[in-house]
Amino acid sequence: MAAKGDSEGTGARAAVFVGPHQLLRPLGEGGMGVVYLARSPGLRLLAVKVIRPEYAEDPQFQRRFQQEVEAARRVTGFHTPPVVDAQPRGPRPWMATAYLPAPSLGEVVRRFGPLGEAGARALGAALAEALAAIHAAGVVHRDLKPGNVLIARDGPRVIDFGISRAFDAVHLTRTGMVCGTPGYIAPERVVSASVTFASSDVFSLGCLLVYALTGRTPFGAGEPAQINRRVVYEWPDLSGVPAALGPLVAACLDKDPGRRPTAAAVLAALAPADPAALLSPGLLADFEARERQAGIDLAAPPADPPARAVRAWRSLSRRGLLGLGAGLGAGAAAAVGVPLLLTRRARAAAGAATV
């Protein structure tokens, strides 16, 4: 992490860099770290996840994180955006993917309501295709949830794959707790989080389909321990799931991981599906607003990277940290996807906007 400070005392916000990439503002945060919108030297927008220091200082975490980043680089497929840059070792490990100006599935359901059957088929087919590519590379996602699925113009994307195992290993060693999001964790992971099968992701996919169709998880709300107990011992609530999708969703949510369908089998059951079924007038308007902002972000005057790298996060000035953190909002989400290039329209917009 490096900062270009304000040596002249003009009050300008310090420019902050991760590797060669300039951080623009936070997009969101989770248990593992903070995700920032960043701009590469080649004027592409990136989503950069910077690992929290309490995990980064653990040698076991750094080893596992490096292994998972290398595995994630092997994942291919339209619905699984690639890792474009990373520094898995050092005082603040980080990983960068291309940025997609798109809302998460959670945002879409909260703002525009649950999906219809056609939209759920398109969502399920895309997620199954993504999981098939992830599993083919020897990776298990481990935390498939509404916040880790983006709904883009041309179809859903699965993000944050291939890095959860390093977090699990250190977190479980320190706390002995279940890692993951209650309501989307497979029962075998609740019982023994160190045991993870590819079919655990299929269970999470079934939970996501219920959420997308009904606006709720199949195991109800409440305290995490209560939800996890229902996952292990109770049948899912599939009320509101269309009859045509009920058997497939129920199969995904089978308590026995060996009886669940593979991701490829789920894809075969749902395809062909039209991604346009996911789009609504409200969502299209949301895309336009996010794309306008992305153009402004790209057109903002670039800062020169510091001549000498700053080795630790604490080297950043208080002013730089406060300025960078000012843009974090409750609705922001991490995003990955296709790169955006600087356009003439973005340059024009930059003249009338301040980032």
Protein backbone atom coordinates (compact mmCIF):
# COMPACT_ATOMS: atom_id res chain seq x y z
CA MET A 1 0.00 0.00 0.00
CA ALA A 2 1.50 3.33 -0.94
CA ALA A 3 0.39 6.94 -0.64
CA LYS A 4 1.37 10.10 -2.43
CA GLY A 5 0.97 12.72 0.31
CA ASP A 6 0.21 16.44 0.25
CA SER A 7 3.66 17.89 0.91
CA GLU A 8 2.60 21.41 -0.10
CA GLY A 9 -0.15 21.58 2.54
CA THR A 10 -2.78 22.45 -0.04
CA GLY A 11 -5.42 20.20 1.55
CA ALA A 12 -5.70 17.91 -1.49
CA ARG A 13 -6.55 14.30 -0.76
CA ALA A 14 -3.60 11.93 -0.87
CA ALA A 15 -3.49 9.49 -3.77
CA VAL A 16 -3.35 5.89 -2.55
CA PHE A 17 -1.93 3.02 -4.59
CA VAL A 18 -1.98 -0.76 -4.36
CA GLY A 19 0.84 -1.94 -6.55
CA PRO A 20 0.56 0.20 -9.72
CA HIS A 21 -3.20 0.75 -9.27
CA GLN A 22 -4.64 3.98 -7.87
CA LEU A 23 -7.45 3.46 -5.34
CA LEU A 24 -10.45 5.71 -5.95
CA ARG A 25 -12.94 4.81 -3.21
CA PRO A 26 -14.20 1.85 -1.18
CA LEU A 27 -16.83 -0.39 -2.75
CA GLY A 28 -17.58 -2.65 0.20
CA GLU A 29 -16.06 -4.76 2.92
CA GLY A 30 -16.37 -8.20 4.44
CA GLY A 31 -14.76 -10.51 6.94
CA MET A 32 -11.59 -10.92 4.90
CA GLY A 33 -10.88 -7.38 3.78
CA VAL A 34 -11.98 -4.21 2.05
CA VAL A 35 -12.71 -3.91 -1.68
CA TYR A 36 -11.78 -0.69 -3.45
CA LEU A 37 -12.54 0.73 -6.85
CA ALA A 38 -9.16 1.29 -8.48
CA ARG A 39 -7.78 2.52 -11.78
CA SER A 40 -4.94 0.73 -13.53
CA PRO A 41 -2.09 2.53 -15.33
CA GLY A 42 -3.79 1.51 -18.60
CA LEU A 43 -7.03 3.30 -17.59
CA ARG A 44 -9.11 0.29 -16.71
CA LEU A 45 -11.30 0.10 -13.64
CA LEU A 46 -10.54 -2.67 -11.15
CA ALA A 47 -12.03 -4.06 -7.97
CA VAL A 48 -9.11 -4.57 -5.57
CA LYS A 49 -9.56 -6.62 -2.40
CA VAL A 50 -7.03 -5.67 0.30
CA ILE A 51 -6.71 -8.22 3.09
CA ARG A 52 -7.18 -7.14 6.70
CA PRO A 53 -3.91 -6.89 8.68
CA GLU A 54 -4.97 -9.41 11.33
CA TYR A 55 -5.04 -12.11 8.63
CA ALA A 56 -2.25 -10.78 6.45
CA GLU A 57 0.26 -11.13 9.28
CA ASP A 58 -0.40 -14.86 9.60
CA PRO A 59 2.14 -16.92 7.57
CA GLN A 60 -0.39 -19.75 7.15
CA PHE A 61 -2.87 -17.33 5.63
CA GLN A 62 -0.31 -15.93 3.20
CA ARG A 63 0.63 -19.42 1.99
CA ARG A 64 -2.99 -20.45 1.51
CA PHE A 65 -3.91 -17.12 -0.09
CA GLN A 66 -1.12 -17.49 -2.64
CA GLN A 67 -2.31 -21.01 -3.48
CA GLU A 68 -5.90 -19.86 -3.88
CA VAL A 69 -4.97 -16.89 -6.06
CA GLU A 70 -2.96 -19.19 -8.32
CA ALA A 71 -5.94 -21.56 -8.51
CA ALA A 72 -8.35 -18.71 -9.24
CA ARG A 73 -6.17 -17.63 -12.16
CA ARG A 74 -6.88 -21.01 -13.76
CA VAL A 75 -10.66 -20.52 -13.70
CA THR A 76 -12.12 -19.70 -17.10
CA GLY A 77 -15.64 -19.07 -18.30
CA PHE A 78 -17.93 -16.21 -19.19
CA HIS A 79 -19.61 -16.07 -15.76
CA THR A 80 -16.33 -16.29 -13.81
CA PRO A 81 -14.26 -13.14 -14.39
CA PRO A 82 -10.49 -13.65 -14.23
CA VAL A 83 -7.99 -12.40 -11.69
CA VAL A 84 -5.94 -9.73 -13.47
CA ASP A 85 -3.33 -8.85 -10.84
CA ALA A 86 -2.38 -9.86 -7.31
CA GLN A 87 0.24 -9.64 -4.59
CA PRO A 88 -0.60 -12.54 -2.27
CA ARG A 89 2.37 -12.01 0.05
CA GLY A 90 3.55 -8.95 1.92
CA PRO A 91 2.29 -6.64 4.69
CA ARG A 92 -1.09 -6.15 2.97
CA PRO A 93 -1.85 -8.89 0.41
CA TRP A 94 -4.30 -7.94 -2.35
CA MET A 95 -6.02 -9.31 -5.42
CA ALA A 96 -7.47 -7.35 -8.36
CA THR A 97 -10.19 -8.20 -10.85
CA ALA A 98 -11.77 -6.04 -13.52
CA TYR A 99 -14.69 -3.90 -12.33
CA LEU A 100 -18.24 -4.26 -13.59
CA PRO A 101 -20.74 -1.46 -12.90
CA ALA A 102 -23.54 -3.79 -11.86
CA PRO A 103 -25.60 -4.42 -8.69
CA SER A 104 -25.47 -7.59 -6.64
CA LEU A 105 -28.32 -10.08 -6.64
CA GLY A 106 -29.16 -8.92 -3.12
CA GLU A 107 -29.53 -5.32 -4.31
CA VAL A 108 -31.67 -6.38 -7.27
CA VAL A 109 -34.10 -8.37 -5.11
CA ARG A 110 -34.32 -5.68 -2.43
CA ARG A 111 -34.87 -2.83 -4.87
CA PHE A 112 -36.84 -4.44 -7.69
CA GLY A 113 -38.44 -7.48 -6.07
CA PRO A 114 -38.07 -11.26 -6.51
CA LEU A 115 -37.48 -12.78 -9.93
CA GLY A 116 -40.06 -14.63 -11.98
CA GLU A 117 -39.54 -18.19 -13.15
CA ALA A 118 -37.83 -17.16 -16.41
CA GLY A 119 -35.45 -14.85 -14.55
CA ALA A 120 -34.65 -17.54 -11.98
CA ARG A 121 -33.90 -20.02 -14.77
CA ALA A 122 -31.49 -17.54 -16.37
CA LEU A 123 -29.87 -16.89 -13.00
CA GLY A 124 -29.57 -20.59 -12.13
CA ALA A 125 -28.14 -21.53 -15.51
CA ALA A 126 -25.49 -18.79 -15.27
CA LEU A 127 -24.52 -19.72 -11.71
CA ALA A 128 -24.35 -23.41 -12.60
CA GLU A 129 -22.09 -22.62 -15.54
CA ALA A 130 -19.89 -20.51 -13.29
CA LEU A 131 -19.65 -23.25 -10.67
CA ALA A 132 -18.84 -25.85 -13.31
CA ALA A 133 -15.88 -23.72 -14.44
CA ILE A 134 -14.76 -23.09 -10.85
CA HIS A 135 -14.96 -26.78 -9.92
CA ALA A 136 -13.17 -27.84 -13.11
CA ALA A 137 -10.19 -25.75 -11.96
CA GLY A 138 -10.14 -27.56 -8.62
CA VAL A 139 -11.61 -24.62 -6.72
CA VAL A 140 -14.63 -24.56 -4.39
CA HIS A 141 -16.27 -21.17 -3.86
CA ARG A 142 -17.33 -21.72 -0.20
CA ASP A 143 -19.33 -18.50 0.12
CA LEU A 144 -21.88 -18.29 -2.68
CA LYS A 145 -24.46 -15.74 -1.50
CA PRO A 146 -26.49 -12.82 -2.92
CA GLY A 147 -23.64 -10.35 -2.36
CA ASN A 148 -21.24 -12.50 -4.39
CA VAL A 149 -23.44 -12.61 -7.49
CA LEU A 150 -23.59 -9.59 -9.80
CA ILE A 151 -26.39 -9.04 -12.29
CA ALA A 152 -24.88 -7.41 -15.39
CA ARG A 153 -26.42 -6.41 -18.70
CA ASP A 154 -25.18 -9.56 -20.41
CA GLY A 155 -25.75 -12.00 -17.57
CA PRO A 156 -24.77 -12.81 -13.98
CA ARG A 157 -21.20 -13.06 -12.70
CA VAL A 158 -19.89 -14.95 -9.68
CA ILE A 159 -17.25 -13.05 -7.71
CA ASP A 160 -14.95 -13.74 -4.76
CA PHE A 161 -14.23 -17.32 -5.76
CA GLY A 162 -11.00 -19.09 -4.95
CA ILE A 163 -9.91 -17.10 -1.89
CA SER A 164 -12.17 -18.28 0.93
CA ARG A 165 -10.14 -21.35 1.88
CA ALA A 166 -7.23 -19.26 3.15
CA PHE A 167 -9.63 -17.21 5.27
CA ASP A 168 -11.36 -20.36 6.54
CA ALA A 169 -8.10 -21.97 7.64
CA VAL A 170 -6.95 -19.03 9.76
CA HIS A 171 -10.38 -18.02 11.04
CA LEU A 172 -11.29 -21.53 12.17
CA THR A 173 -7.93 -21.96 13.88
CA ARG A 174 -8.43 -18.76 15.84
CA THR A 175 -12.10 -18.96 16.72
CA GLY A 176 -13.42 -22.48 16.08
CA MET A 177 -16.48 -20.93 14.45
CA VAL A 178 -18.37 -21.84 11.29
CA CYS A 179 -17.21 -19.75 8.32
CA GLY A 180 -19.69 -18.59 5.73
CA THR A 181 -23.05 -16.87 5.51
CA PRO A 182 -25.89 -18.41 7.56
CA GLY A 183 -28.71 -19.55 5.34
CA TYR A 184 -26.37 -20.38 2.45
CA ILE A 185 -23.92 -22.79 4.12
CA ALA A 186 -24.30 -26.50 3.34
CA PRO A 187 -25.07 -28.74 6.33
CA GLU A 188 -21.79 -30.65 6.07
CA ARG A 189 -19.93 -27.33 6.45
CA VAL A 190 -21.95 -26.46 9.53
CA VAL A 191 -21.06 -29.82 11.11
CA SER A 192 -17.42 -29.78 10.00
CA ALA A 193 -16.25 -26.63 8.24
CA SER A 194 -12.93 -28.27 7.35
CA VAL A 195 -14.82 -30.64 5.00
CA THR A 196 -15.90 -28.93 1.80
CA PHE A 197 -17.20 -30.67 -1.31
CA ALA A 198 -17.97 -29.13 -4.67
CA SER A 199 -21.57 -30.10 -3.99
CA SER A 200 -21.54 -27.65 -1.06
CA ASP A 201 -21.62 -24.89 -3.67
CA VAL A 202 -24.61 -26.58 -5.32
CA PHE A 203 -26.44 -26.44 -1.97
CA SER A 204 -25.70 -22.69 -1.84
CA LEU A 205 -27.01 -22.38 -5.39
CA GLY A 206 -30.30 -23.94 -4.29
CA CYS A 207 -30.52 -21.42 -1.45
CA LEU A 208 -29.85 -18.57 -3.89
CA LEU A 209 -32.62 -19.72 -6.21
CA VAL A 210 -35.12 -19.73 -3.33
CA TYR A 211 -33.96 -16.25 -2.31
CA ALA A 212 -34.21 -14.94 -5.88
CA LEU A 213 -37.74 -16.31 -6.27
CA THR A 214 -39.13 -15.40 -2.85
CA GLY A 215 -36.92 -12.73 -1.29
CA ARG A 216 -36.05 -15.00 1.66
CA THR A 217 -33.74 -17.90 2.43
CA PRO A 218 -35.18 -21.45 2.60
CA PHE A 219 -34.19 -21.82 6.26
CA GLY A 220 -35.70 -18.67 7.70
CA ALA A 221 -34.30 -15.76 9.67
CA GLY A 222 -32.98 -15.37 13.21
CA GLU A 223 -29.71 -15.89 15.02
CA PRO A 224 -26.95 -17.58 13.00
CA ALA A 225 -26.97 -20.61 15.33
CA GLN A 226 -30.71 -21.05 14.83
CA ILE A 227 -30.41 -20.84 11.06
CA ASN A 228 -27.51 -23.30 11.01
CA ARG A 229 -29.48 -25.76 13.14
CA ARG A 230 -32.37 -25.64 10.65
CA VAL A 231 -29.93 -26.20 7.79
CA VAL A 232 -28.70 -29.39 9.44
CA TYR A 233 -31.93 -30.81 10.87
CA GLU A 234 -34.97 -29.29 9.11
CA TRP A 235 -36.42 -29.37 5.61
CA PRO A 236 -36.19 -26.17 3.53
CA ASP A 237 -39.24 -23.98 3.05
CA LEU A 238 -39.88 -24.04 -0.70
CA SER A 239 -43.21 -22.22 -0.64
CA GLY A 240 -43.29 -19.71 -3.47
CA VAL A 241 -40.95 -21.75 -5.67
CA PRO A 242 -42.69 -22.57 -9.00
CA ALA A 243 -43.71 -26.21 -9.35
CA ALA A 244 -41.55 -26.59 -12.45
CA LEU A 245 -38.43 -25.67 -10.46
CA GLY A 246 -39.34 -27.33 -7.15
CA PRO A 247 -37.78 -30.78 -7.75
CA LEU A 248 -34.48 -29.33 -8.98
CA VAL A 249 -34.21 -26.87 -6.09
CA ALA A 250 -35.07 -29.63 -3.60
CA ALA A 251 -32.35 -31.85 -5.09
CA CYS A 252 -29.79 -29.05 -4.70
CA LEU A 253 -30.80 -28.73 -1.03
CA ASP A 254 -30.51 -32.42 -0.20
CA LYS A 255 -28.83 -32.95 3.19
CA ASP A 256 -26.60 -35.64 1.69
CA PRO A 257 -23.92 -34.04 -0.51
CA GLY A 258 -23.62 -37.25 -2.51
CA ARG A 259 -27.24 -37.02 -3.68
CA ARG A 260 -27.06 -33.47 -4.95
CA PRO A 261 -26.75 -32.86 -8.70
CA THR A 262 -23.48 -31.57 -10.09
CA ALA A 263 -23.26 -28.02 -11.37
CA ALA A 264 -23.19 -29.41 -14.92
CA ALA A 265 -26.42 -31.35 -14.27
CA VAL A 266 -28.12 -28.21 -12.93
CA LEU A 267 -27.03 -26.32 -16.05
CA ALA A 268 -28.42 -29.07 -18.30
CA ALA A 269 -31.74 -28.94 -16.42
CA LEU A 270 -32.12 -25.16 -16.78
CA ALA A 271 -30.62 -24.42 -20.20
CA PRO A 272 -31.39 -22.87 -22.55
CA ALA A 273 -32.29 -19.72 -20.60
CA ASP A 274 -32.44 -16.13 -21.84
CA PRO A 275 -30.35 -13.68 -19.74
CA ALA A 276 -32.67 -10.87 -20.87
CA ALA A 277 -35.32 -12.36 -18.57
CA LEU A 278 -33.35 -10.86 -15.67
CA LEU A 279 -33.64 -7.30 -16.95
CA SER A 280 -36.30 -4.83 -15.86
CA PRO A 281 -36.77 -1.09 -16.57
CA GLY A 282 -35.50 -0.24 -13.09
CA LEU A 283 -32.43 -2.41 -13.49
CA LEU A 284 -31.64 -0.94 -16.91
CA ALA A 285 -31.81 2.56 -15.41
CA ASP A 286 -29.49 1.42 -12.64
CA PHE A 287 -26.96 0.19 -15.23
CA GLU A 288 -26.99 3.57 -16.97
CA ALA A 289 -26.33 5.45 -13.73
CA ARG A 290 -23.46 3.14 -12.78
CA GLU A 291 -21.93 3.37 -16.26
CA ARG A 292 -22.04 7.18 -16.17
CA GLN A 293 -20.23 7.14 -12.83
CA ALA A 294 -17.66 4.68 -14.18
CA GLY A 295 -16.91 7.07 -17.02
CA ILE A 296 -16.39 9.90 -14.53
CA ASP A 297 -14.09 7.72 -12.43
CA LEU A 298 -11.96 6.87 -15.45
CA ALA A 299 -11.73 10.48 -16.61
CA ALA A 300 -10.60 11.92 -13.27
CA PRO A 301 -7.05 13.35 -13.43
CA PRO A 302 -4.57 10.54 -12.74
CA ALA A 303 -2.03 10.80 -9.96
CA ASP A 304 1.61 9.80 -10.28
CA PRO A 305 2.55 6.76 -8.20
CA PRO A 306 4.96 7.49 -5.33
CA ALA A 307 8.64 7.23 -6.12
CA ARG A 308 9.20 5.01 -3.08
CA ALA A 309 6.71 2.40 -1.94
CA VAL A 310 5.26 2.71 1.54
CA ARG A 311 5.52 -0.71 3.18
CA ALA A 312 2.67 -0.61 5.69
CA TRP A 313 -0.92 0.57 5.84
CA ARG A 314 -0.18 2.70 8.90
CA SER A 315 2.12 4.85 6.76
CA LEU A 316 -0.89 6.43 5.12
CA SER A 317 -1.80 9.84 6.47
CA ARG A 318 -4.94 10.18 8.58
CA ARG A 319 -6.24 12.70 6.04
CA GLY A 320 -5.69 10.23 3.19
CA LEU A 321 -7.50 7.44 5.01
CA LEU A 322 -10.47 9.66 5.92
CA GLY A 323 -10.73 11.01 2.40
CA LEU A 324 -10.56 7.58 0.81
CA GLY A 325 -13.15 6.17 3.20
CA ALA A 326 -15.66 8.98 2.74
CA GLY A 327 -17.33 7.31 -0.22
CA LEU A 328 -18.24 4.02 1.47
CA GLY A 329 -22.02 3.55 1.51
CA ALA A 330 -24.23 0.80 2.86
CA GLY A 331 -25.41 -0.18 -0.60
CA ALA A 332 -22.01 -0.44 -2.27
CA ALA A 333 -20.92 -3.84 -3.55
CA ALA A 334 -17.70 -5.37 -4.82
CA ALA A 335 -17.79 -6.06 -8.51
CA VAL A 336 -15.78 -7.82 -11.20
CA GLY A 337 -16.28 -8.29 -14.89
CA VAL A 338 -15.34 -6.83 -18.26
CA PRO A 339 -12.93 -3.84 -18.38
CA LEU A 340 -14.12 -0.34 -19.22
CA LEU A 341 -12.03 1.92 -21.47
CA LEU A 342 -11.83 5.70 -21.32
CA THR A 343 -14.23 7.22 -23.87
CA ARG A 344 -14.79 10.66 -25.32
CA ARG A 345 -18.06 10.85 -23.43
CA ALA A 346 -16.27 10.10 -20.17
CA ARG A 347 -13.75 12.88 -20.83
CA ALA A 348 -16.59 15.31 -21.38
CA ALA A 349 -18.29 14.21 -18.19
CA ALA A 350 -15.10 14.71 -16.22
CA GLY A 351 -15.12 18.39 -17.00
CA ALA A 352 -18.37 18.82 -15.12
CA ALA A 353 -17.88 16.38 -12.24
CA THR A 354 -15.53 16.00 -9.32
CA VAL A 355 -14.61 12.62 -7.87
